[in-house]
Amino acid sequence: MSKLIRLNLNQSKLFATIVFIWGTIMYVVGTYTSFFGGAERLFPVMVAGDVVLLLGLHLYERRYWTEIVVDQGLT
């Protein structure tokens, strides 16, 4: 396995870990606000975090997934 592929796999695991941590934080914050209120203040922060994550995922895929070559004979 080449160094480039290993780097991409490590970056993929890092991004998956970041998404998991953000999802866990949103779950805990959502549970907290459902019990104690304050969702109107935290909802914009949660939406902004989702937008940042989705934008990051989009840019990540555009940058690193261009290296995959598809054989036209197999499609």
PDB file of N, CA and C in Angstrom:
ATOM      1  N   MET A   1       0.846  -1.169   0.000  1.00  0.00           N
ATOM      2  CA  MET A   1       0.000   0.000   0.000  1.00  0.00           C
ATOM      3  C   MET A   1       0.897   1.240   0.000  1.00  0.00           C
ATOM      4  N   SER A   2       0.594   2.125  -0.891  1.00  0.00           N
ATOM      5  CA  SER A   2       1.452   3.297  -1.016  1.00  0.00           C
ATOM      6  C   SER A   2       1.205   4.287   0.121  1.00  0.00           C
ATOM      7  N   LYS A   3       2.143   5.202   0.279  1.00  0.00           N
ATOM      8  CA  LYS A   3       2.037   6.208   1.337  1.00  0.00           C
ATOM      9  C   LYS A   3       0.833   7.120   1.100  1.00  0.00           C
ATOM     10  N   LEU A   4       0.540   7.434  -0.152  1.00  0.00           N
ATOM     11  CA  LEU A   4      -0.584   8.304  -0.477  1.00  0.00           C
ATOM     12  C   LEU A   4      -1.905   7.668  -0.056  1.00  0.00           C
ATOM     13  N   ILE A   5      -2.067   6.380  -0.333  1.00  0.00           N
ATOM     14  CA  ILE A   5      -3.307   5.699   0.035  1.00  0.00           C
ATOM     15  C   ILE A   5      -3.433   5.625   1.555  1.00  0.00           C
ATOM     16  N   ARG A   6      -2.341   5.334   2.245  1.00  0.00           N
ATOM     17  CA  ARG A   6      -2.376   5.267   3.703  1.00  0.00           C
ATOM     18  C   ARG A   6      -2.767   6.622   4.297  1.00  0.00           C
ATOM     19  N   LEU A   7      -2.243   7.693   3.729  1.00  0.00           N
ATOM     20  CA  LEU A   7      -2.572   9.035   4.197  1.00  0.00           C
ATOM     21  C   LEU A   7      -4.061   9.308   4.018  1.00  0.00           C
ATOM     22  N   ASN A   8      -4.597   8.922   2.867  1.00  0.00           N
ATOM     23  CA  ASN A   8      -6.010   9.150   2.615  1.00  0.00           C
ATOM     24  C   ASN A   8      -6.887   8.331   3.549  1.00  0.00           C
ATOM     25  N   LEU A   9      -6.498   7.088   3.849  1.00  0.00           N
ATOM     26  CA  LEU A   9      -7.270   6.272   4.776  1.00  0.00           C
ATOM     27  C   LEU A   9      -7.244   6.876   6.171  1.00  0.00           C
ATOM     28  N   ASN A  10      -6.093   7.383   6.602  1.00  0.00           N
ATOM     29  CA  ASN A  10      -6.006   8.025   7.912  1.00  0.00           C
ATOM     30  C   ASN A  10      -6.850   9.291   7.959  1.00  0.00           C
ATOM     31  N   GLN A  11      -6.846  10.062   6.887  1.00  0.00           N
ATOM     32  CA  GLN A  11      -7.661  11.268   6.841  1.00  0.00           C
ATOM     33  C   GLN A  11      -9.141  10.912   6.858  1.00  0.00           C
ATOM     34  N   SER A  12      -9.501   9.821   6.196  1.00  0.00           N
ATOM     35  CA  SER A  12     -10.886   9.378   6.189  1.00  0.00           C
ATOM     36  C   SER A  12     -11.332   8.986   7.592  1.00  0.00           C
ATOM     37  N   LYS A  13     -10.470   8.278   8.320  1.00  0.00           N
ATOM     38  CA  LYS A  13     -10.799   7.896   9.696  1.00  0.00           C
ATOM     39  C   LYS A  13     -10.910   9.129  10.585  1.00  0.00           C
ATOM     40  N   LEU A  14     -10.050  10.104  10.375  1.00  0.00           N
ATOM     41  CA  LEU A  14     -10.102  11.335  11.159  1.00  0.00           C
ATOM     42  C   LEU A  14     -11.416  12.063  10.917  1.00  0.00           C
ATOM     43  N   PHE A  15     -11.818  12.171   9.667  1.00  0.00           N
ATOM     44  CA  PHE A  15     -13.059  12.869   9.357  1.00  0.00           C
ATOM     45  C   PHE A  15     -14.257  12.119   9.930  1.00  0.00           C
ATOM     46  N   ALA A  16     -14.243  10.788   9.826  1.00  0.00           N
ATOM     47  CA  ALA A  16     -15.334   9.998  10.404  1.00  0.00           C
ATOM     48  C   ALA A  16     -15.399  10.186  11.915  1.00  0.00           C
ATOM     49  N   THR A  17     -14.254  10.281  12.559  1.00  0.00           N
ATOM     50  CA  THR A  17     -14.216  10.502  14.004  1.00  0.00           C
ATOM     51  C   THR A  17     -14.780  11.871  14.357  1.00  0.00           C
ATOM     52  N   ILE A  18     -14.437  12.881  13.579  1.00  0.00           N
ATOM     53  CA  ILE A  18     -14.953  14.231  13.827  1.00  0.00           C
ATOM     54  C   ILE A  18     -16.467  14.259  13.670  1.00  0.00           C
ATOM     55  N   VAL A  19     -16.991  13.609  12.627  1.00  0.00           N
ATOM     56  CA  VAL A  19     -18.436  13.567  12.411  1.00  0.00           C
ATOM     57  C   VAL A  19     -19.119  12.838  13.567  1.00  0.00           C
ATOM     58  N   PHE A  20     -18.529  11.737  14.031  1.00  0.00           N
ATOM     59  CA  PHE A  20     -19.105  10.988  15.149  1.00  0.00           C
ATOM     60  C   PHE A  20     -19.137  11.840  16.417  1.00  0.00           C
ATOM     61  N   ILE A  21     -18.046  12.534  16.698  1.00  0.00           N
ATOM     62  CA  ILE A  21     -17.988  13.375  17.902  1.00  0.00           C
ATOM     63  C   ILE A  21     -19.022  14.497  17.818  1.00  0.00           C
ATOM     64  N   TRP A  22     -19.140  15.137  16.652  1.00  0.00           N
ATOM     65  CA  TRP A  22     -20.124  16.210  16.500  1.00  0.00           C
ATOM     66  C   TRP A  22     -21.540  15.666  16.659  1.00  0.00           C
ATOM     67  N   GLY A  23     -21.810  14.492  16.107  1.00  0.00           N
ATOM     68  CA  GLY A  23     -23.127  13.880  16.269  1.00  0.00           C
ATOM     69  C   GLY A  23     -23.435  13.566  17.720  1.00  0.00           C
ATOM     70  N   THR A  24     -22.445  13.080  18.442  1.00  0.00           N
ATOM     71  CA  THR A  24     -22.632  12.790  19.865  1.00  0.00           C
ATOM     72  C   THR A  24     -22.908  14.070  20.650  1.00  0.00           C
ATOM     73  N   ILE A  25     -22.173  15.123  20.334  1.00  0.00           N
ATOM     74  CA  ILE A  25     -22.399  16.410  21.002  1.00  0.00           C
ATOM     75  C   ILE A  25     -23.811  16.917  20.717  1.00  0.00           C
ATOM     76  N   MET A  26     -24.256  16.825  19.462  1.00  0.00           N
ATOM     77  CA  MET A  26     -25.602  17.276  19.121  1.00  0.00           C
ATOM     78  C   MET A  26     -26.660  16.455  19.857  1.00  0.00           C
ATOM     79  N   TYR A  27     -26.429  15.152  19.995  1.00  0.00           N
ATOM     80  CA  TYR A  27     -27.377  14.302  20.714  1.00  0.00           C
ATOM     81  C   TYR A  27     -27.477  14.718  22.180  1.00  0.00           C
ATOM     82  N   VAL A  28     -26.335  14.915  22.815  1.00  0.00           N
ATOM     83  CA  VAL A  28     -26.325  15.295  24.232  1.00  0.00           C
ATOM     84  C   VAL A  28     -26.956  16.672  24.422  1.00  0.00           C
ATOM     85  N   VAL A  29     -26.602  17.619  23.569  1.00  0.00           N
ATOM     86  CA  VAL A  29     -27.166  18.971  23.683  1.00  0.00           C
ATOM     87  C   VAL A  29     -28.668  18.939  23.416  1.00  0.00           C
ATOM     88  N   GLY A  30     -29.094  18.172  22.426  1.00  0.00           N
ATOM     89  CA  GLY A  30     -30.525  18.054  22.145  1.00  0.00           C
ATOM     90  C   GLY A  30     -31.289  17.444  23.298  1.00  0.00           C
ATOM     91  N   THR A  31     -30.719  16.430  23.923  1.00  0.00           N
ATOM     92  CA  THR A  31     -31.358  15.825  25.093  1.00  0.00           C
ATOM     93  C   THR A  31     -31.429  16.826  26.242  1.00  0.00           C
ATOM     94  N   TYR A  32     -30.349  17.556  26.460  1.00  0.00           N
ATOM     95  CA  TYR A  32     -30.321  18.560  27.531  1.00  0.00           C
ATOM     96  C   TYR A  32     -31.390  19.627  27.301  1.00  0.00           C
ATOM     97  N   THR A  33     -31.480  20.129  26.068  1.00  0.00           N
ATOM     98  CA  THR A  33     -32.449  21.196  25.799  1.00  0.00           C
ATOM     99  C   THR A  33     -33.878  20.679  25.863  1.00  0.00           C
ATOM    100  N   SER A  34     -34.094  19.399  25.558  1.00  0.00           N
ATOM    101  CA  SER A  34     -35.456  18.877  25.663  1.00  0.00           C
ATOM    102  C   SER A  34     -35.903  18.799  27.119  1.00  0.00           C
ATOM    103  N   PHE A  35     -34.972  18.585  28.028  1.00  0.00           N
ATOM    104  CA  PHE A  35     -35.318  18.523  29.446  1.00  0.00           C
ATOM    105  C   PHE A  35     -35.338  19.898  30.106  1.00  0.00           C
ATOM    106  N   PHE A  36     -34.397  20.750  29.759  1.00  0.00           N
ATOM    107  CA  PHE A  36     -34.212  22.002  30.496  1.00  0.00           C
ATOM    108  C   PHE A  36     -34.490  23.258  29.676  1.00  0.00           C
ATOM    109  N   GLY A  37     -34.832  23.138  28.404  1.00  0.00           N
ATOM    110  CA  GLY A  37     -35.142  24.298  27.583  1.00  0.00           C
ATOM    111  C   GLY A  37     -33.893  24.956  27.019  1.00  0.00           C
ATOM    112  N   GLY A  38     -34.089  26.046  26.302  1.00  0.00           N
ATOM    113  CA  GLY A  38     -32.973  26.790  25.727  1.00  0.00           C
ATOM    114  C   GLY A  38     -32.657  26.396  24.297  1.00  0.00           C
ATOM    115  N   ALA A  39     -33.563  25.644  23.654  1.00  0.00           N
ATOM    116  CA  ALA A  39     -33.288  25.184  22.294  1.00  0.00           C
ATOM    117  C   ALA A  39     -33.213  26.338  21.302  1.00  0.00           C
ATOM    118  N   GLU A  40     -33.958  27.413  21.577  1.00  0.00           N
ATOM    119  CA  GLU A  40     -33.957  28.536  20.628  1.00  0.00           C
ATOM    120  C   GLU A  40     -32.594  29.212  20.547  1.00  0.00           C
ATOM    121  N   ARG A  41     -31.775  29.073  21.582  1.00  0.00           N
ATOM    122  CA  ARG A  41     -30.424  29.636  21.542  1.00  0.00           C
ATOM    123  C   ARG A  41     -29.429  28.659  20.927  1.00  0.00           C
ATOM    124  N   LEU A  42     -29.624  27.365  21.154  1.00  0.00           N
ATOM    125  CA  LEU A  42     -28.654  26.379  20.687  1.00  0.00           C
ATOM    126  C   LEU A  42     -28.934  25.866  19.277  1.00  0.00           C
ATOM    127  N   PHE A  43     -30.175  25.980  18.812  1.00  0.00           N
ATOM    128  CA  PHE A  43     -30.514  25.467  17.487  1.00  0.00           C
ATOM    129  C   PHE A  43     -29.682  26.106  16.377  1.00  0.00           C
ATOM    130  N   PRO A  44     -29.504  27.435  16.340  1.00  0.00           N
ATOM    131  CA  PRO A  44     -28.663  28.017  15.278  1.00  0.00           C
ATOM    132  C   PRO A  44     -27.220  27.506  15.312  1.00  0.00           C
ATOM    133  N   VAL A  45     -26.692  27.254  16.501  1.00  0.00           N
ATOM    134  CA  VAL A  45     -25.328  26.727  16.616  1.00  0.00           C
ATOM    135  C   VAL A  45     -25.262  25.317  16.042  1.00  0.00           C
ATOM    136  N   MET A  46     -26.276  24.509  16.326  1.00  0.00           N
ATOM    137  CA  MET A  46     -26.300  23.138  15.813  1.00  0.00           C
ATOM    138  C   MET A  46     -26.429  23.130  14.286  1.00  0.00           C
ATOM    139  N   VAL A  47     -27.276  24.004  13.754  1.00  0.00           N
ATOM    140  CA  VAL A  47     -27.438  24.081  12.300  1.00  0.00           C
ATOM    141  C   VAL A  47     -26.148  24.569  11.648  1.00  0.00           C
ATOM    142  N   ALA A  48     -25.512  25.563  12.230  1.00  0.00           N
ATOM    143  CA  ALA A  48     -24.245  26.062  11.683  1.00  0.00           C
ATOM    144  C   ALA A  48     -23.182  24.968  11.713  1.00  0.00           C
ATOM    145  N   GLY A  49     -23.139  24.191  12.774  1.00  0.00           N
ATOM    146  CA  GLY A  49     -22.191  23.077  12.847  1.00  0.00           C
ATOM    147  C   GLY A  49     -22.448  22.040  11.777  1.00  0.00           C
ATOM    148  N   ASP A  50     -23.723  21.750  11.511  1.00  0.00           N
ATOM    149  CA  ASP A  50     -24.051  20.807  10.441  1.00  0.00           C
ATOM    150  C   ASP A  50     -23.614  21.340   9.081  1.00  0.00           C
ATOM    151  N   VAL A  51     -23.842  22.623   8.853  1.00  0.00           N
ATOM    152  CA  VAL A  51     -23.440  23.221   7.576  1.00  0.00           C
ATOM    153  C   VAL A  51     -21.924  23.144   7.403  1.00  0.00           C
ATOM    154  N   VAL A  52     -21.192  23.436   8.463  1.00  0.00           N
ATOM    155  CA  VAL A  52     -19.728  23.370   8.392  1.00  0.00           C
ATOM    156  C   VAL A  52     -19.267  21.941   8.111  1.00  0.00           C
ATOM    157  N   LEU A  53     -19.875  20.959   8.783  1.00  0.00           N
ATOM    158  CA  LEU A  53     -19.493  19.566   8.549  1.00  0.00           C
ATOM    159  C   LEU A  53     -19.814  19.120   7.127  1.00  0.00           C
ATOM    160  N   LEU A  54     -21.000  19.461   6.637  1.00  0.00           N
ATOM    161  CA  LEU A  54     -21.363  19.057   5.280  1.00  0.00           C
ATOM    162  C   LEU A  54     -20.488  19.753   4.241  1.00  0.00           C
ATOM    163  N   LEU A  55     -20.169  21.014   4.463  1.00  0.00           N
ATOM    164  CA  LEU A  55     -19.271  21.726   3.553  1.00  0.00           C
ATOM    165  C   LEU A  55     -17.878  21.108   3.589  1.00  0.00           C
ATOM    166  N   GLY A  56     -17.407  20.771   4.788  1.00  0.00           N
ATOM    167  CA  GLY A  56     -16.109  20.105   4.914  1.00  0.00           C
ATOM    168  C   GLY A  56     -16.090  18.761   4.221  1.00  0.00           C
ATOM    169  N   LEU A  57     -17.164  17.990   4.361  1.00  0.00           N
ATOM    170  CA  LEU A  57     -17.250  16.695   3.685  1.00  0.00           C
ATOM    171  C   LEU A  57     -17.241  16.872   2.175  1.00  0.00           C
ATOM    172  N   HIS A  58     -17.983  17.862   1.696  1.00  0.00           N
ATOM    173  CA  HIS A  58     -18.025  18.117   0.258  1.00  0.00           C
ATOM    174  C   HIS A  58     -16.637  18.488  -0.272  1.00  0.00           C
ATOM    175  N   LEU A  59     -15.952  19.385   0.413  1.00  0.00           N
ATOM    176  CA  LEU A  59     -14.612  19.788  -0.027  1.00  0.00           C
ATOM    177  C   LEU A  59     -13.624  18.633   0.084  1.00  0.00           C
ATOM    178  N   TYR A  60     -13.744  17.826   1.134  1.00  0.00           N
ATOM    179  CA  TYR A  60     -12.876  16.659   1.312  1.00  0.00           C
ATOM    180  C   TYR A  60     -13.055  15.679   0.156  1.00  0.00           C
ATOM    181  N   GLU A  61     -14.316  15.398  -0.190  1.00  0.00           N
ATOM    182  CA  GLU A  61     -14.570  14.456  -1.278  1.00  0.00           C
ATOM    183  C   GLU A  61     -14.074  15.010  -2.607  1.00  0.00           C
ATOM    184  N   ARG A  62     -14.263  16.283  -2.846  1.00  0.00           N
ATOM    185  CA  ARG A  62     -13.783  16.866  -4.109  1.00  0.00           C
ATOM    186  C   ARG A  62     -12.268  16.816  -4.201  1.00  0.00           C
ATOM    187  N   ARG A  63     -11.583  16.941  -3.074  1.00  0.00           N
ATOM    188  CA  ARG A  63     -10.120  16.972  -3.105  1.00  0.00           C
ATOM    189  C   ARG A  63      -9.518  15.577  -3.201  1.00  0.00           C
ATOM    190  N   TYR A  64     -10.017  14.643  -2.412  1.00  0.00           N
ATOM    191  CA  TYR A  64      -9.350  13.349  -2.299  1.00  0.00           C
ATOM    192  C   TYR A  64      -9.977  12.244  -3.144  1.00  0.00           C
ATOM    193  N   TRP A  65     -11.240  12.345  -3.494  1.00  0.00           N
ATOM    194  CA  TRP A  65     -11.857  11.277  -4.252  1.00  0.00           C
ATOM    195  C   TRP A  65     -11.621  11.417  -5.750  1.00  0.00           C
ATOM    196  N   THR A  66     -10.915  12.434  -6.174  1.00  0.00           N
ATOM    197  CA  THR A  66     -10.590  12.557  -7.592  1.00  0.00           C
ATOM    198  C   THR A  66      -9.493  11.581  -7.987  1.00  0.00           C
ATOM    199  N   GLU A  67      -8.831  10.965  -6.996  1.00  0.00           N
ATOM    200  CA  GLU A  67      -7.739  10.044  -7.291  1.00  0.00           C
ATOM    201  C   GLU A  67      -8.234   8.656  -7.667  1.00  0.00           C
ATOM    202  N   ILE A  68      -9.531   8.389  -7.485  1.00  0.00           N
ATOM    203  CA  ILE A  68     -10.077   7.077  -7.808  1.00  0.00           C
ATOM    204  C   ILE A  68     -10.325   7.013  -9.311  1.00  0.00           C
ATOM    205  N   VAL A  69      -9.813   5.976  -9.939  1.00  0.00           N
ATOM    206  CA  VAL A  69      -9.972   5.802 -11.378  1.00  0.00           C
ATOM    207  C   VAL A  69     -10.985   4.691 -11.613  1.00  0.00           C
ATOM    208  N   VAL A  70     -11.977   4.960 -12.430  1.00  0.00           N
ATOM    209  CA  VAL A  70     -12.991   3.963 -12.754  1.00  0.00           C
ATOM    210  C   VAL A  70     -12.701   3.430 -14.144  1.00  0.00           C
ATOM    211  N   ASP A  71     -12.635   2.116 -14.252  1.00  0.00           N
ATOM    212  CA  ASP A  71     -12.423   1.484 -15.549  1.00  0.00           C
ATOM    213  C   ASP A  71     -13.746   1.499 -16.306  1.00  0.00           C
ATOM    214  N   GLN A  72     -13.775   2.163 -17.441  1.00  0.00           N
ATOM    215  CA  GLN A  72     -15.015   2.299 -18.194  1.00  0.00           C
ATOM    216  C   GLN A  72     -15.526   0.960 -18.719  1.00  0.00           C
ATOM    217  N   GLY A  73     -14.646  -0.019 -18.836  1.00  0.00           N
ATOM    218  CA  GLY A  73     -15.080  -1.323 -19.323  1.00  0.00           C
ATOM    219  C   GLY A  73     -15.895  -2.097 -18.305  1.00  0.00           C
ATOM    220  N   LEU A  74     -15.813  -1.736 -17.048  1.00  0.00           N
ATOM    221  CA  LEU A  74     -16.532  -2.465 -16.002  1.00  0.00           C
ATOM    222  C   LEU A  74     -17.859  -1.828 -15.638  1.00  0.00           C
ATOM    223  N   THR A  75     -18.142  -0.643 -16.185  1.00  0.00           N
ATOM    224  CA  THR A  75     -19.393   0.021 -15.804  1.00  0.00           C
ATOM    225  C   THR A  75     -20.503  -0.294 -16.766  1.00  0.00           C
TER     226      THR A  75
END
